[in-house]
């Protein structure tokens, strides 16, 4: 149960950071746009890649702190970072074909699910 609390608290902070960056970007540009989402995704992916490498090779941290940072904070900041690190780990551990299949299937099925939800409610 303690692990769930670490992830939840990290997610809480990550979500607030994501929303804050969205507001900041919108205020700078003067309108809402997907630029904030792209910016968050790029930053989140950079941070999760850095954290993964740091925690795998150079810095020993507790499992709870790893959960807080990797799944909670960065996952709450952008789930795209979690998707990206999963694809990267698949590439490292299982090869290029499985990683590419994961990316393609995830994107296509996610977009189709979005469309299905839209059409279900619109009907």
PDB file of N, CA and C in Angstrom:
ATOM      1  N   UNK A   1       0.818  -1.198   0.000  1.00  0.00           N
ATOM      2  CA  UNK A   1       0.000   0.000   0.000  1.00  0.00           C
ATOM      3  C   UNK A   1       0.867   1.270   0.000  1.00  0.00           C
ATOM      4  N   UNK A   2       2.000   1.200   0.665  1.00  0.00           N
ATOM      5  CA  UNK A   2       2.900   2.353   0.709  1.00  0.00           C
ATOM      6  C   UNK A   2       3.393   2.716  -0.694  1.00  0.00           C
ATOM      7  N   UNK A   3       3.626   1.719  -1.528  1.00  0.00           N
ATOM      8  CA  UNK A   3       4.082   1.977  -2.902  1.00  0.00           C
ATOM      9  C   UNK A   3       3.025   2.761  -3.684  1.00  0.00           C
ATOM     10  N   UNK A   4       1.777   2.435  -3.466  1.00  0.00           N
ATOM     11  CA  UNK A   4       0.676   3.143  -4.136  1.00  0.00           C
ATOM     12  C   UNK A   4       0.657   4.610  -3.710  1.00  0.00           C
ATOM     13  N   UNK A   5       0.943   4.866  -2.453  1.00  0.00           N
ATOM     14  CA  UNK A   5       0.974   6.242  -1.951  1.00  0.00           C
ATOM     15  C   UNK A   5       2.123   7.020  -2.593  1.00  0.00           C
ATOM     16  N   UNK A   6       3.289   6.392  -2.701  1.00  0.00           N
ATOM     17  CA  UNK A   6       4.421   7.047  -3.367  1.00  0.00           C
ATOM     18  C   UNK A   6       4.076   7.394  -4.810  1.00  0.00           C
ATOM     19  N   UNK A   7       3.502   6.457  -5.533  1.00  0.00           N
ATOM     20  CA  UNK A   7       3.125   6.698  -6.932  1.00  0.00           C
ATOM     21  C   UNK A   7       2.052   7.785  -7.006  1.00  0.00           C
ATOM     22  N   UNK A   8       1.063   7.703  -6.141  1.00  0.00           N
ATOM     23  CA  UNK A   8      -0.018   8.696  -6.148  1.00  0.00           C
ATOM     24  C   UNK A   8       0.454  10.098  -5.838  1.00  0.00           C
ATOM     25  N   UNK A   9       1.328  10.235  -4.853  1.00  0.00           N
ATOM     26  CA  UNK A   9       1.853  11.545  -4.509  1.00  0.00           C
ATOM     27  C   UNK A   9       2.718  12.104  -5.637  1.00  0.00           C
ATOM     28  N   UNK A  10       3.532  11.249  -6.227  1.00  0.00           N
ATOM     29  CA  UNK A  10       4.329  11.680  -7.376  1.00  0.00           C
ATOM     30  C   UNK A  10       3.450  12.102  -8.533  1.00  0.00           C
ATOM     31  N   UNK A  11       2.398  11.335  -8.791  1.00  0.00           N
ATOM     32  CA  UNK A  11       1.459  11.668  -9.862  1.00  0.00           C
ATOM     33  C   UNK A  11       0.759  12.993  -9.613  1.00  0.00           C
ATOM     34  N   UNK A  12       0.426  13.250  -8.357  1.00  0.00           N
ATOM     35  CA  UNK A  12      -0.197  14.517  -7.972  1.00  0.00           C
ATOM     36  C   UNK A  12       0.713  15.688  -8.332  1.00  0.00           C
ATOM     37  N   UNK A  13       1.974  15.581  -7.961  1.00  0.00           N
ATOM     38  CA  UNK A  13       2.939  16.651  -8.242  1.00  0.00           C
ATOM     39  C   UNK A  13       3.180  16.776  -9.753  1.00  0.00           C
ATOM     40  N   UNK A  14       3.350  15.641 -10.431  1.00  0.00           N
ATOM     41  CA  UNK A  14       3.583  15.660 -11.870  1.00  0.00           C
ATOM     42  C   UNK A  14       2.433  16.288 -12.639  1.00  0.00           C
ATOM     43  N   UNK A  15       1.204  15.992 -12.226  1.00  0.00           N
ATOM     44  CA  UNK A  15       0.035  16.560 -12.899  1.00  0.00           C
ATOM     45  C   UNK A  15      -0.045  18.063 -12.700  1.00  0.00           C
ATOM     46  N   UNK A  16       0.276  18.522 -11.503  1.00  0.00           N
ATOM     47  CA  UNK A  16       0.281  19.961 -11.236  1.00  0.00           C
ATOM     48  C   UNK A  16       1.362  20.652 -12.073  1.00  0.00           C
ATOM     49  N   UNK A  17       2.526  20.029 -12.176  1.00  0.00           N
ATOM     50  CA  UNK A  17       3.598  20.594 -12.999  1.00  0.00           C
ATOM     51  C   UNK A  17       3.175  20.659 -14.468  1.00  0.00           C
ATOM     52  N   UNK A  18       2.525  19.595 -14.953  1.00  0.00           N
ATOM     53  CA  UNK A  18       2.061  19.589 -16.350  1.00  0.00           C
ATOM     54  C   UNK A  18       1.069  20.716 -16.587  1.00  0.00           C
ATOM     55  N   UNK A  19       0.107  20.869 -15.701  1.00  0.00           N
ATOM     56  CA  UNK A  19      -0.905  21.916 -15.863  1.00  0.00           C
ATOM     57  C   UNK A  19      -0.276  23.305 -15.761  1.00  0.00           C
ATOM     58  N   UNK A  20       0.661  23.470 -14.869  1.00  0.00           N
ATOM     59  CA  UNK A  20       1.348  24.757 -14.719  1.00  0.00           C
ATOM     60  C   UNK A  20       2.104  25.124 -15.993  1.00  0.00           C
ATOM     61  N   UNK A  21       2.759  24.145 -16.588  1.00  0.00           N
ATOM     62  CA  UNK A  21       3.477  24.395 -17.835  1.00  0.00           C
ATOM     63  C   UNK A  21       2.509  24.711 -18.970  1.00  0.00           C
ATOM     64  N   UNK A  22       1.364  24.063 -18.963  1.00  0.00           N
ATOM     65  CA  UNK A  22       0.325  24.344 -19.958  1.00  0.00           C
ATOM     66  C   UNK A  22      -0.137  25.797 -19.838  1.00  0.00           C
ATOM     67  N   UNK A  23      -0.401  26.241 -18.614  1.00  0.00           N
ATOM     68  CA  UNK A  23      -0.839  27.624 -18.388  1.00  0.00           C
ATOM     69  C   UNK A  23       0.257  28.601 -18.805  1.00  0.00           C
ATOM     70  N   UNK A  24       1.487  28.329 -18.416  1.00  0.00           N
ATOM     71  CA  UNK A  24       2.608  29.201 -18.766  1.00  0.00           C
ATOM     72  C   UNK A  24       2.765  29.326 -20.279  1.00  0.00           C
ATOM     73  N   UNK A  25       2.725  28.199 -20.963  1.00  0.00           N
ATOM     74  CA  UNK A  25       2.856  28.205 -22.424  1.00  0.00           C
ATOM     75  C   UNK A  25       1.700  28.967 -23.069  1.00  0.00           C
ATOM     76  N   UNK A  26       0.495  28.749 -22.577  1.00  0.00           N
ATOM     77  CA  UNK A  26      -0.678  29.449 -23.119  1.00  0.00           C
ATOM     78  C   UNK A  26      -0.579  30.949 -22.885  1.00  0.00           C
ATOM     79  N   UNK A  27      -0.075  31.342 -21.720  1.00  0.00           N
ATOM     80  CA  UNK A  27       0.079  32.774 -21.429  1.00  0.00           C
ATOM     81  C   UNK A  27       1.140  33.408 -22.314  1.00  0.00           C
ATOM     82  N   UNK A  28       2.218  32.698 -22.570  1.00  0.00           N
ATOM     83  CA  UNK A  28       3.286  33.233 -23.414  1.00  0.00           C
ATOM     84  C   UNK A  28       2.810  33.375 -24.855  1.00  0.00           C
ATOM     85  N   UNK A  29       2.107  32.361 -25.360  1.00  0.00           N
ATOM     86  CA  UNK A  29       1.649  32.389 -26.752  1.00  0.00           C
ATOM     87  C   UNK A  29       0.382  33.223 -26.935  1.00  0.00           C
ATOM     88  N   UNK A  30      -0.387  33.387 -25.861  1.00  0.00           N
ATOM     89  CA  UNK A  30      -1.622  34.152 -25.947  1.00  0.00           C
ATOM     90  C   UNK A  30      -2.826  33.331 -26.358  1.00  0.00           C
ATOM     91  N   UNK A  31      -2.642  32.044 -26.571  1.00  0.00           N
ATOM     92  CA  UNK A  31      -3.745  31.158 -26.936  1.00  0.00           C
ATOM     93  C   UNK A  31      -3.361  29.731 -26.565  1.00  0.00           C
ATOM     94  N   UNK A  32      -4.361  28.872 -26.470  1.00  0.00           N
ATOM     95  CA  UNK A  32      -4.073  27.473 -26.169  1.00  0.00           C
ATOM     96  C   UNK A  32      -3.694  26.765 -27.464  1.00  0.00           C
ATOM     97  N   UNK A  33      -2.754  25.891 -27.361  1.00  0.00           N
ATOM     98  CA  UNK A  33      -2.307  25.163 -28.546  1.00  0.00           C
ATOM     99  C   UNK A  33      -1.671  23.846 -28.112  1.00  0.00           C
ATOM    100  N   UNK A  34      -1.442  22.961 -29.069  1.00  0.00           N
ATOM    101  CA  UNK A  34      -0.773  21.706 -28.726  1.00  0.00           C
ATOM    102  C   UNK A  34       0.715  21.877 -28.415  1.00  0.00           C
ATOM    103  N   UNK A  35       1.221  23.099 -28.515  1.00  0.00           N
ATOM    104  CA  UNK A  35       2.635  23.330 -28.225  1.00  0.00           C
ATOM    105  C   UNK A  35       2.961  22.927 -26.786  1.00  0.00           C
ATOM    106  N   UNK A  36       2.066  23.235 -25.854  1.00  0.00           N
ATOM    107  CA  UNK A  36       2.296  22.876 -24.457  1.00  0.00           C
ATOM    108  C   UNK A  36       2.408  21.361 -24.303  1.00  0.00           C
ATOM    109  N   UNK A  37       1.552  20.623 -24.961  1.00  0.00           N
ATOM    110  CA  UNK A  37       1.592  19.165 -24.881  1.00  0.00           C
ATOM    111  C   UNK A  37       2.886  18.626 -25.471  1.00  0.00           C
ATOM    112  N   UNK A  38       3.284  19.145 -26.601  1.00  0.00           N
ATOM    113  CA  UNK A  38       4.538  18.709 -27.223  1.00  0.00           C
ATOM    114  C   UNK A  38       5.715  19.019 -26.302  1.00  0.00           C
ATOM    115  N   UNK A  39       5.720  20.217 -25.738  1.00  0.00           N
ATOM    116  CA  UNK A  39       6.778  20.642 -24.839  1.00  0.00           C
ATOM    117  C   UNK A  39       6.857  19.720 -23.622  1.00  0.00           C
ATOM    118  N   UNK A  40       5.721  19.437 -23.016  1.00  0.00           N
ATOM    119  CA  UNK A  40       5.670  18.543 -21.852  1.00  0.00           C
ATOM    120  C   UNK A  40       6.163  17.152 -22.226  1.00  0.00           C
ATOM    121  N   UNK A  41       5.722  16.633 -23.361  1.00  0.00           N
ATOM    122  CA  UNK A  41       6.142  15.297 -23.783  1.00  0.00           C
ATOM    123  C   UNK A  41       7.647  15.217 -23.996  1.00  0.00           C
ATOM    124  N   UNK A  42       8.215  16.221 -24.626  1.00  0.00           N
ATOM    125  CA  UNK A  42       9.657  16.219 -24.881  1.00  0.00           C
ATOM    126  C   UNK A  42      10.435  16.313 -23.572  1.00  0.00           C
ATOM    127  N   UNK A  43      10.037  17.234 -22.709  1.00  0.00           N
ATOM    128  CA  UNK A  43      10.714  17.367 -21.410  1.00  0.00           C
ATOM    129  C   UNK A  43      10.580  16.086 -20.593  1.00  0.00           C
ATOM    130  N   UNK A  44       9.365  15.541 -20.533  1.00  0.00           N
ATOM    131  CA  UNK A  44       9.129  14.320 -19.764  1.00  0.00           C
ATOM    132  C   UNK A  44       9.939  13.143 -20.277  1.00  0.00           C
ATOM    133  N   UNK A  45      10.026  13.011 -21.590  1.00  0.00           N
ATOM    134  CA  UNK A  45      10.809  11.916 -22.179  1.00  0.00           C
ATOM    135  C   UNK A  45      12.295  12.094 -21.891  1.00  0.00           C
ATOM    136  N   UNK A  46      12.786  13.318 -21.980  1.00  0.00           N
ATOM    137  CA  UNK A  46      14.188  13.578 -21.642  1.00  0.00           C
ATOM    138  C   UNK A  46      14.452  13.216 -20.178  1.00  0.00           C
ATOM    139  N   UNK A  47      13.563  13.647 -19.302  1.00  0.00           N
ATOM    140  CA  UNK A  47      13.755  13.391 -17.869  1.00  0.00           C
ATOM    141  C   UNK A  47      13.668  11.908 -17.527  1.00  0.00           C
ATOM    142  N   UNK A  48      12.735  11.186 -18.132  1.00  0.00           N
ATOM    143  CA  UNK A  48      12.609   9.766 -17.799  1.00  0.00           C
ATOM    144  C   UNK A  48      13.779   8.963 -18.365  1.00  0.00           C
ATOM    145  N   UNK A  49      14.282   9.374 -19.532  1.00  0.00           N
ATOM    146  CA  UNK A  49      15.474   8.713 -20.069  1.00  0.00           C
ATOM    147  C   UNK A  49      16.683   8.958 -19.194  1.00  0.00           C
ATOM    148  N   UNK A  50      16.831  10.189 -18.737  1.00  0.00           N
ATOM    149  CA  UNK A  50      17.943  10.529 -17.850  1.00  0.00           C
ATOM    150  C   UNK A  50      17.837   9.789 -16.526  1.00  0.00           C
ATOM    151  N   UNK A  51      16.643   9.770 -15.950  1.00  0.00           N
ATOM    152  CA  UNK A  51      16.437   9.089 -14.667  1.00  0.00           C
ATOM    153  C   UNK A  51      16.687   7.586 -14.799  1.00  0.00           C
ATOM    154  N   UNK A  52      16.204   7.005 -15.877  1.00  0.00           N
ATOM    155  CA  UNK A  52      16.402   5.569 -16.108  1.00  0.00           C
ATOM    156  C   UNK A  52      17.891   5.227 -16.143  1.00  0.00           C
ATOM    157  N   UNK A  53      18.643   6.002 -16.899  1.00  0.00           N
ATOM    158  CA  UNK A  53      20.087   5.754 -17.003  1.00  0.00           C
ATOM    159  C   UNK A  53      20.786   6.008 -15.666  1.00  0.00           C
ATOM    160  N   UNK A  54      20.432   7.073 -15.017  1.00  0.00           N
ATOM    161  CA  UNK A  54      21.044   7.428 -13.739  1.00  0.00           C
ATOM    162  C   UNK A  54      20.778   6.357 -12.679  1.00  0.00           C
ATOM    163  N   UNK A  55      19.537   5.907 -12.589  1.00  0.00           N
ATOM    164  CA  UNK A  55      19.172   4.924 -11.568  1.00  0.00           C
ATOM    165  C   UNK A  55      19.655   3.519 -11.919  1.00  0.00           C
ATOM    166  N   UNK A  56      19.906   3.266 -13.190  1.00  0.00           N
ATOM    167  CA  UNK A  56      20.390   1.949 -13.615  1.00  0.00           C
ATOM    168  C   UNK A  56      21.901   1.801 -13.470  1.00  0.00           C
ATOM    169  N   UNK A  57      22.620   2.903 -13.562  1.00  0.00           N
ATOM    170  CA  UNK A  57      24.079   2.786 -13.631  1.00  0.00           C
ATOM    171  C   UNK A  57      24.854   3.571 -12.581  1.00  0.00           C
ATOM    172  N   UNK A  58      24.324   4.667 -12.105  1.00  0.00           N
ATOM    173  CA  UNK A  58      25.147   5.543 -11.278  1.00  0.00           C
ATOM    174  C   UNK A  58      24.606   5.818  -9.881  1.00  0.00           C
ATOM    175  N   UNK A  59      23.322   5.794  -9.696  1.00  0.00           N
ATOM    176  CA  UNK A  59      22.728   6.205  -8.432  1.00  0.00           C
ATOM    177  C   UNK A  59      21.821   5.105  -7.899  1.00  0.00           C
ATOM    178  N   UNK A  60      22.117   4.658  -6.698  1.00  0.00           N
ATOM    179  CA  UNK A  60      21.288   3.639  -6.063  1.00  0.00           C
ATOM    180  C   UNK A  60      20.243   4.345  -5.207  1.00  0.00           C
ATOM    181  N   UNK A  61      18.980   4.096  -5.514  1.00  0.00           N
ATOM    182  CA  UNK A  61      17.884   4.680  -4.738  1.00  0.00           C
ATOM    183  C   UNK A  61      16.928   3.574  -4.326  1.00  0.00           C
ATOM    184  N   UNK A  62      16.081   3.856  -3.371  1.00  0.00           N
ATOM    185  CA  UNK A  62      15.110   2.867  -2.909  1.00  0.00           C
ATOM    186  C   UNK A  62      14.056   2.624  -3.988  1.00  0.00           C
ATOM    187  N   UNK A  63      13.415   1.489  -3.906  1.00  0.00           N
ATOM    188  CA  UNK A  63      12.334   1.163  -4.836  1.00  0.00           C
ATOM    189  C   UNK A  63      11.201   2.173  -4.714  1.00  0.00           C
ATOM    190  N   UNK A  64      10.915   2.614  -3.483  1.00  0.00           N
ATOM    191  CA  UNK A  64       9.847   3.602  -3.282  1.00  0.00           C
ATOM    192  C   UNK A  64      10.170   4.935  -3.952  1.00  0.00           C
ATOM    193  N   UNK A  65      11.412   5.376  -3.857  1.00  0.00           N
ATOM    194  CA  UNK A  65      11.799   6.627  -4.497  1.00  0.00           C
ATOM    195  C   UNK A  65      11.774   6.485  -6.016  1.00  0.00           C
ATOM    196  N   UNK A  66      12.189   5.332  -6.506  1.00  0.00           N
ATOM    197  CA  UNK A  66      12.126   5.069  -7.954  1.00  0.00           C
ATOM    198  C   UNK A  66      10.675   5.111  -8.437  1.00  0.00           C
ATOM    199  N   UNK A  67       9.766   4.497  -7.698  1.00  0.00           N
ATOM    200  CA  UNK A  67       8.348   4.528  -8.050  1.00  0.00           C
ATOM    201  C   UNK A  67       7.808   5.955  -8.027  1.00  0.00           C
ATOM    202  N   UNK A  68       8.180   6.712  -6.991  1.00  0.00           N
ATOM    203  CA  UNK A  68       7.745   8.095  -6.867  1.00  0.00           C
ATOM    204  C   UNK A  68       8.176   8.915  -8.083  1.00  0.00           C
ATOM    205  N   UNK A  69       9.440   8.776  -8.473  1.00  0.00           N
ATOM    206  CA  UNK A  69       9.986   9.594  -9.565  1.00  0.00           C
ATOM    207  C   UNK A  69       9.544   9.088 -10.933  1.00  0.00           C
ATOM    208  N   UNK A  70       9.794   7.811 -11.214  1.00  0.00           N
ATOM    209  CA  UNK A  70       9.579   7.287 -12.565  1.00  0.00           C
ATOM    210  C   UNK A  70       8.094   7.141 -12.910  1.00  0.00           C
ATOM    211  N   UNK A  71       7.348   6.461 -12.072  1.00  0.00           N
ATOM    212  CA  UNK A  71       5.943   6.194 -12.389  1.00  0.00           C
ATOM    213  C   UNK A  71       5.045   7.336 -11.935  1.00  0.00           C
ATOM    214  N   UNK A  72       5.281   7.827 -10.716  1.00  0.00           N
ATOM    215  CA  UNK A  72       4.432   8.877 -10.186  1.00  0.00           C
ATOM    216  C   UNK A  72       4.686  10.232 -10.811  1.00  0.00           C
ATOM    217  N   UNK A  73       5.820  10.840 -10.469  1.00  0.00           N
ATOM    218  CA  UNK A  73       6.124  12.202 -10.902  1.00  0.00           C
ATOM    219  C   UNK A  73       6.172  12.329 -12.424  1.00  0.00           C
ATOM    220  N   UNK A  74       7.011  11.527 -13.072  1.00  0.00           N
ATOM    221  CA  UNK A  74       7.152  11.652 -14.524  1.00  0.00           C
ATOM    222  C   UNK A  74       5.964  11.064 -15.267  1.00  0.00           C
ATOM    223  N   UNK A  75       5.367  10.004 -14.730  1.00  0.00           N
ATOM    224  CA  UNK A  75       4.154   9.458 -15.339  1.00  0.00           C
ATOM    225  C   UNK A  75       2.981  10.414 -15.226  1.00  0.00           C
ATOM    226  N   UNK A  76       2.900  11.146 -14.100  1.00  0.00           N
ATOM    227  CA  UNK A  76       1.863  12.163 -13.940  1.00  0.00           C
ATOM    228  C   UNK A  76       2.125  13.387 -14.789  1.00  0.00           C
ATOM    229  N   UNK A  77       3.394  13.692 -14.984  1.00  0.00           N
ATOM    230  CA  UNK A  77       3.774  14.834 -15.805  1.00  0.00           C
ATOM    231  C   UNK A  77       3.409  14.565 -17.262  1.00  0.00           C
ATOM    232  N   UNK A  78       3.717  13.369 -17.744  1.00  0.00           N
ATOM    233  CA  UNK A  78       3.344  12.979 -19.100  1.00  0.00           C
ATOM    234  C   UNK A  78       3.362  11.466 -19.217  1.00  0.00           C
ATOM    235  N   UNK A  79       2.223  10.874 -19.557  1.00  0.00           N
ATOM    236  CA  UNK A  79       2.219   9.429 -19.758  1.00  0.00           C
ATOM    237  C   UNK A  79       3.004   9.051 -21.005  1.00  0.00           C
ATOM    238  N   UNK A  80       3.248  10.026 -21.873  1.00  0.00           N
ATOM    239  CA  UNK A  80       4.059   9.751 -23.063  1.00  0.00           C
ATOM    240  C   UNK A  80       5.471   9.338 -22.670  1.00  0.00           C
ATOM    241  N   UNK A  81       5.962   9.873 -21.550  1.00  0.00           N
ATOM    242  CA  UNK A  81       7.296   9.473 -21.092  1.00  0.00           C
ATOM    243  C   UNK A  81       7.296   8.005 -20.668  1.00  0.00           C
ATOM    244  N   UNK A  82       6.219   7.565 -20.019  1.00  0.00           N
ATOM    245  CA  UNK A  82       6.119   6.153 -19.630  1.00  0.00           C
ATOM    246  C   UNK A  82       6.048   5.267 -20.877  1.00  0.00           C
ATOM    247  N   UNK A  83       5.271   5.685 -21.853  1.00  0.00           N
ATOM    248  CA  UNK A  83       5.180   4.967 -23.123  1.00  0.00           C
ATOM    249  C   UNK A  83       6.561   4.881 -23.789  1.00  0.00           C
ATOM    250  N   UNK A  84       7.274   5.991 -23.793  1.00  0.00           N
ATOM    251  CA  UNK A  84       8.586   6.040 -24.440  1.00  0.00           C
ATOM    252  C   UNK A  84       9.603   5.140 -23.753  1.00  0.00           C
ATOM    253  N   UNK A  85       9.626   5.142 -22.424  1.00  0.00           N
ATOM    254  CA  UNK A  85      10.607   4.299 -21.728  1.00  0.00           C
ATOM    255  C   UNK A  85      10.240   2.824 -21.895  1.00  0.00           C
ATOM    256  N   UNK A  86       8.950   2.507 -21.956  1.00  0.00           N
ATOM    257  CA  UNK A  86       8.546   1.117 -22.223  1.00  0.00           C
ATOM    258  C   UNK A  86       9.042   0.672 -23.597  1.00  0.00           C
ATOM    259  N   UNK A  87       8.874   1.533 -24.599  1.00  0.00           N
ATOM    260  CA  UNK A  87       9.344   1.202 -25.949  1.00  0.00           C
ATOM    261  C   UNK A  87      10.863   1.038 -25.963  1.00  0.00           C
ATOM    262  N   UNK A  88      11.553   1.917 -25.269  1.00  0.00           N
ATOM    263  CA  UNK A  88      13.012   1.843 -25.205  1.00  0.00           C
ATOM    264  C   UNK A  88      13.469   0.557 -24.524  1.00  0.00           C
ATOM    265  N   UNK A  89      12.826   0.189 -23.421  1.00  0.00           N
ATOM    266  CA  UNK A  89      13.198  -1.043 -22.718  1.00  0.00           C
ATOM    267  C   UNK A  89      12.891  -2.271 -23.561  1.00  0.00           C
ATOM    268  N   UNK A  90      11.779  -2.246 -24.274  1.00  0.00           N
ATOM    269  CA  UNK A  90      11.475  -3.355 -25.186  1.00  0.00           C
ATOM    270  C   UNK A  90      12.559  -3.478 -26.246  1.00  0.00           C
ATOM    271  N   UNK A  91      12.997  -2.362 -26.789  1.00  0.00           N
ATOM    272  CA  UNK A  91      14.060  -2.363 -27.793  1.00  0.00           C
ATOM    273  C   UNK A  91      15.347  -2.959 -27.217  1.00  0.00           C
ATOM    274  N   UNK A  92      15.693  -2.525 -26.012  1.00  0.00           N
ATOM    275  CA  UNK A  92      16.914  -3.031 -25.366  1.00  0.00           C
ATOM    276  C   UNK A  92      16.826  -4.517 -25.033  1.00  0.00           C
ATOM    277  N   UNK A  93      15.686  -4.934 -24.517  1.00  0.00           N
ATOM    278  CA  UNK A  93      15.561  -6.288 -23.975  1.00  0.00           C
ATOM    279  C   UNK A  93      14.986  -7.313 -24.943  1.00  0.00           C
ATOM    280  N   UNK A  94      14.164  -6.855 -25.890  1.00  0.00           N
ATOM    281  CA  UNK A  94      13.472  -7.816 -26.748  1.00  0.00           C
ATOM    282  C   UNK A  94      13.682  -7.576 -28.233  1.00  0.00           C
ATOM    283  N   UNK A  95      14.332  -6.495 -28.596  1.00  0.00           N
ATOM    284  CA  UNK A  95      14.648  -6.255 -29.997  1.00  0.00           C
ATOM    285  C   UNK A  95      13.782  -5.218 -30.669  1.00  0.00           C
ATOM    286  N   UNK A  96      14.227  -4.873 -31.850  1.00  0.00           N
ATOM    287  CA  UNK A  96      13.627  -3.800 -32.627  1.00  0.00           C
ATOM    288  C   UNK A  96      12.193  -4.114 -33.062  1.00  0.00           C
ATOM    289  N   UNK A  97      11.948  -5.342 -33.499  1.00  0.00           N
ATOM    290  CA  UNK A  97      10.625  -5.702 -34.037  1.00  0.00           C
ATOM    291  C   UNK A  97       9.540  -5.531 -32.982  1.00  0.00           C
ATOM    292  N   UNK A  98       9.770  -6.058 -31.783  1.00  0.00           N
ATOM    293  CA  UNK A  98       8.774  -5.953 -30.723  1.00  0.00           C
ATOM    294  C   UNK A  98       8.575  -4.497 -30.308  1.00  0.00           C
ATOM    295  N   UNK A  99       9.649  -3.727 -30.236  1.00  0.00           N
ATOM    296  CA  UNK A  99       9.538  -2.315 -29.864  1.00  0.00           C
ATOM    297  C   UNK A  99       8.726  -1.537 -30.900  1.00  0.00           C
ATOM    298  N   UNK A 100       9.005  -1.763 -32.168  1.00  0.00           N
ATOM    299  CA  UNK A 100       8.260  -1.075 -33.236  1.00  0.00           C
ATOM    300  C   UNK A 100       6.793  -1.505 -33.217  1.00  0.00           C
ATOM    301  N   UNK A 101       6.544  -2.780 -33.025  1.00  0.00           N
ATOM    302  CA  UNK A 101       5.163  -3.270 -32.955  1.00  0.00           C
ATOM    303  C   UNK A 101       4.418  -2.610 -31.792  1.00  0.00           C
ATOM    304  N   UNK A 102       5.079  -2.494 -30.652  1.00  0.00           N
ATOM    305  CA  UNK A 102       4.481  -1.846 -29.482  1.00  0.00           C
ATOM    306  C   UNK A 102       4.109  -0.397 -29.791  1.00  0.00           C
ATOM    307  N   UNK A 103       5.013   0.326 -30.431  1.00  0.00           N
ATOM    308  CA  UNK A 103       4.763   1.733 -30.754  1.00  0.00           C
ATOM    309  C   UNK A 103       3.606   1.854 -31.741  1.00  0.00           C
ATOM    310  N   UNK A 104       3.657   1.087 -32.809  1.00  0.00           N
ATOM    311  CA  UNK A 104       2.628   1.174 -33.849  1.00  0.00           C
ATOM    312  C   UNK A 104       1.259   0.768 -33.299  1.00  0.00           C
ATOM    313  N   UNK A 105       1.203  -0.360 -32.610  1.00  0.00           N
ATOM    314  CA  UNK A 105      -0.070  -0.839 -32.064  1.00  0.00           C
ATOM    315  C   UNK A 105      -0.610   0.154 -31.032  1.00  0.00           C
ATOM    316  N   UNK A 106       0.253   0.671 -30.171  1.00  0.00           N
ATOM    317  CA  UNK A 106      -0.188   1.631 -29.157  1.00  0.00           C
ATOM    318  C   UNK A 106      -0.782   2.879 -29.784  1.00  0.00           C
ATOM    319  N   UNK A 107      -0.104   3.421 -30.765  1.00  0.00           N
ATOM    320  CA  UNK A 107      -0.581   4.660 -31.387  1.00  0.00           C
ATOM    321  C   UNK A 107      -1.872   4.416 -32.157  1.00  0.00           C
ATOM    322  N   UNK A 108      -1.890   3.390 -32.972  1.00  0.00           N
ATOM    323  CA  UNK A 108      -3.090   3.134 -33.786  1.00  0.00           C
ATOM    324  C   UNK A 108      -4.294   2.808 -32.915  1.00  0.00           C
ATOM    325  N   UNK A 109      -4.129   1.892 -31.956  1.00  0.00           N
ATOM    326  CA  UNK A 109      -5.268   1.522 -31.111  1.00  0.00           C
ATOM    327  C   UNK A 109      -5.716   2.678 -30.219  1.00  0.00           C
ATOM    328  N   UNK A 110      -4.779   3.482 -29.752  1.00  0.00           N
ATOM    329  CA  UNK A 110      -5.156   4.637 -28.925  1.00  0.00           C
ATOM    330  C   UNK A 110      -5.948   5.659 -29.739  1.00  0.00           C
ATOM    331  N   UNK A 111      -5.497   5.939 -30.960  1.00  0.00           N
ATOM    332  CA  UNK A 111      -6.239   6.865 -31.809  1.00  0.00           C
ATOM    333  C   UNK A 111      -7.610   6.310 -32.184  1.00  0.00           C
ATOM    334  N   UNK A 112      -7.683   5.015 -32.471  1.00  0.00           N
ATOM    335  CA  UNK A 112      -8.982   4.393 -32.785  1.00  0.00           C
ATOM    336  C   UNK A 112      -9.910   4.402 -31.574  1.00  0.00           C
ATOM    337  N   UNK A 113      -9.362   4.183 -30.377  1.00  0.00           N
ATOM    338  CA  UNK A 113     -10.177   4.226 -29.159  1.00  0.00           C
ATOM    339  C   UNK A 113     -10.701   5.641 -28.912  1.00  0.00           C
ATOM    340  N   UNK A 114      -9.868   6.644 -29.180  1.00  0.00           N
ATOM    341  CA  UNK A 114     -10.315   8.037 -29.056  1.00  0.00           C
ATOM    342  C   UNK A 114     -11.456   8.312 -30.020  1.00  0.00           C
ATOM    343  N   UNK A 115     -11.299   7.880 -31.258  1.00  0.00           N
ATOM    344  CA  UNK A 115     -12.331   8.060 -32.268  1.00  0.00           C
ATOM    345  C   UNK A 115     -13.611   7.318 -31.876  1.00  0.00           C
ATOM    346  N   UNK A 116     -13.474   6.097 -31.388  1.00  0.00           N
ATOM    347  CA  UNK A 116     -14.643   5.309 -30.974  1.00  0.00           C
ATOM    348  C   UNK A 116     -15.382   5.998 -29.827  1.00  0.00           C
ATOM    349  N   UNK A 117     -14.640   6.500 -28.843  1.00  0.00           N
ATOM    350  CA  UNK A 117     -15.270   7.216 -27.737  1.00  0.00           C
ATOM    351  C   UNK A 117     -15.991   8.462 -28.214  1.00  0.00           C
ATOM    352  N   UNK A 118     -15.352   9.193 -29.121  1.00  0.00           N
ATOM    353  CA  UNK A 118     -15.963  10.390 -29.694  1.00  0.00           C
ATOM    354  C   UNK A 118     -17.271  10.043 -30.391  1.00  0.00           C
ATOM    355  N   UNK A 119     -17.229   9.034 -31.257  1.00  0.00           N
ATOM    356  CA  UNK A 119     -18.415   8.677 -32.026  1.00  0.00           C
ATOM    357  C   UNK A 119     -19.508   8.066 -31.154  1.00  0.00           C
ATOM    358  N   UNK A 120     -19.121   7.354 -30.121  1.00  0.00           N
ATOM    359  CA  UNK A 120     -20.107   6.752 -29.213  1.00  0.00           C
ATOM    360  C   UNK A 120     -20.913   7.839 -28.513  1.00  0.00           C
ATOM    361  N   UNK A 121     -20.242   8.843 -28.027  1.00  0.00           N
ATOM    362  CA  UNK A 121     -20.929   9.929 -27.311  1.00  0.00           C
ATOM    363  C   UNK A 121     -21.655  10.845 -28.282  1.00  0.00           C
ATOM    364  N   UNK A 122     -21.073  11.054 -29.460  1.00  0.00           N
ATOM    365  CA  UNK A 122     -21.696  11.938 -30.455  1.00  0.00           C
ATOM    366  C   UNK A 122     -22.999  11.346 -30.974  1.00  0.00           C
ATOM    367  N   UNK A 123     -23.097  10.027 -31.079  1.00  0.00           N
ATOM    368  CA  UNK A 123     -24.280   9.360 -31.660  1.00  0.00           C
ATOM    369  C   UNK A 123     -25.529   9.548 -30.835  1.00  0.00           C
TER     370      UNK A 123
END
